[in-house]
Amino acid sequence: MFAARTVLLLTLLLTFSLHHITAHTLPRECCDRYARKTVQHVKSFYKTPQGCHLSAVVLVAASGDKVCANPKKPWVKRAIEKLQRKK
């Protein structure tokens, strides 16, 4: 009985520790597609983590909406440059 409890306890600990390690290595926010329209009144932006399959910039609109955008598009580059000049 003691051996069964020990094995069960070790299995649970291993499961939770693996889940904890995996949670820190996976990206928290990735985009699966880009927005098709331009975003007006962008108040901030950030890049998605490198582990994401799609490289994107998340634009945060004045309304608080978050939009995934293609960082290679000219309108996205202009929005980022405009925000960086304000700083």
Protein backbone atom coordinates (compact mmCIF):
# COMPACT_ATOMS: atom_id res chain seq x y z
CA MET A 1 0.00 0.00 0.00
CA PHE A 2 2.82 2.38 0.88
CA ALA A 3 4.57 1.74 -2.46
CA ALA A 4 1.38 2.43 -4.43
CA ARG A 5 0.89 5.77 -2.65
CA THR A 6 4.50 6.73 -3.28
CA VAL A 7 4.25 5.91 -6.99
CA LEU A 8 0.98 7.83 -7.28
CA LEU A 9 2.42 10.84 -5.47
CA LEU A 10 5.55 10.87 -7.63
CA THR A 11 3.44 10.56 -10.78
CA LEU A 12 1.29 13.52 -9.76
CA LEU A 13 4.32 15.63 -8.88
CA LEU A 14 5.96 14.82 -12.20
CA THR A 15 2.78 15.65 -14.11
CA PHE A 16 2.36 19.02 -12.43
CA SER A 17 6.02 19.93 -12.77
CA LEU A 18 6.00 19.10 -16.51
CA HIS A 19 2.85 21.17 -16.96
CA HIS A 20 4.49 24.07 -15.14
CA ILE A 21 7.65 23.89 -17.28
CA THR A 22 5.66 23.67 -20.53
CA ALA A 23 3.47 26.62 -19.59
CA HIS A 24 6.52 28.88 -19.34
CA THR A 25 8.05 27.87 -22.66
CA LEU A 26 4.96 28.24 -24.84
CA PRO A 27 4.09 31.68 -26.22
CA ARG A 28 1.26 33.39 -24.41
CA GLU A 29 -0.26 35.14 -27.39
CA CYS A 30 0.07 34.17 -31.02
CA CYS A 31 -1.81 35.29 -34.11
CA ASP A 32 -3.24 32.81 -36.56
CA ARG A 33 -3.99 35.37 -39.29
CA TYR A 34 -3.48 39.03 -40.16
CA ALA A 35 -6.14 41.74 -40.19
CA ARG A 36 -7.37 42.63 -43.67
CA LYS A 37 -8.16 46.26 -42.93
CA THR A 38 -6.02 49.06 -41.57
CA VAL A 39 -6.40 50.13 -37.95
CA GLN A 40 -7.05 53.76 -37.11
CA HIS A 41 -6.06 55.43 -33.83
CA VAL A 42 -3.42 52.96 -32.69
CA LYS A 43 -2.34 53.69 -29.10
CA SER A 44 0.29 50.96 -28.66
CA PHE A 45 1.77 47.83 -30.19
CA TYR A 46 3.84 44.78 -29.38
CA LYS A 47 5.37 41.91 -31.30
CA THR A 48 4.24 38.33 -30.86
CA PRO A 49 6.75 35.94 -29.25
CA GLN A 50 9.33 34.22 -31.46
CA GLY A 51 7.79 30.79 -30.80
CA CYS A 52 4.65 31.70 -32.76
CA HIS A 53 4.24 30.21 -36.22
CA LEU A 54 3.16 33.59 -37.64
CA SER A 55 5.34 36.64 -37.07
CA ALA A 56 2.96 39.48 -36.27
CA VAL A 57 2.58 42.85 -34.61
CA VAL A 58 -0.41 43.28 -32.32
CA LEU A 59 -1.81 46.78 -32.66
CA VAL A 60 -3.86 48.06 -29.75
CA ALA A 61 -6.52 50.51 -30.88
CA ALA A 62 -7.78 53.43 -28.80
CA SER A 63 -10.90 51.36 -28.13
CA GLY A 64 -8.75 48.64 -26.57
CA ASP A 65 -9.26 46.18 -29.42
CA LYS A 66 -6.20 44.12 -30.33
CA VAL A 67 -5.54 43.41 -34.00
CA CYS A 68 -2.91 41.14 -35.51
CA ALA A 69 -1.08 42.86 -38.35
CA ASN A 70 1.59 41.93 -40.87
CA PRO A 71 4.80 43.72 -39.82
CA LYS A 72 5.89 43.92 -43.48
CA LYS A 73 2.89 45.99 -44.60
CA PRO A 74 3.62 49.70 -45.17
CA TRP A 75 0.65 50.90 -43.10
CA VAL A 76 1.82 48.82 -40.12
CA LYS A 77 5.35 50.21 -40.43
CA ARG A 78 3.96 53.75 -40.53
CA ALA A 79 1.81 53.17 -37.45
CA ILE A 80 4.78 51.81 -35.51
CA GLU A 81 7.04 54.68 -36.59
CA LYS A 82 4.38 57.21 -35.57
CA LEU A 83 4.10 55.64 -32.12
CA GLN A 84 7.86 55.50 -31.67
CA ARG A 85 8.22 59.20 -32.57
CA LYS A 86 5.76 60.08 -29.80
CA LYS A 87 7.98 58.49 -27.16
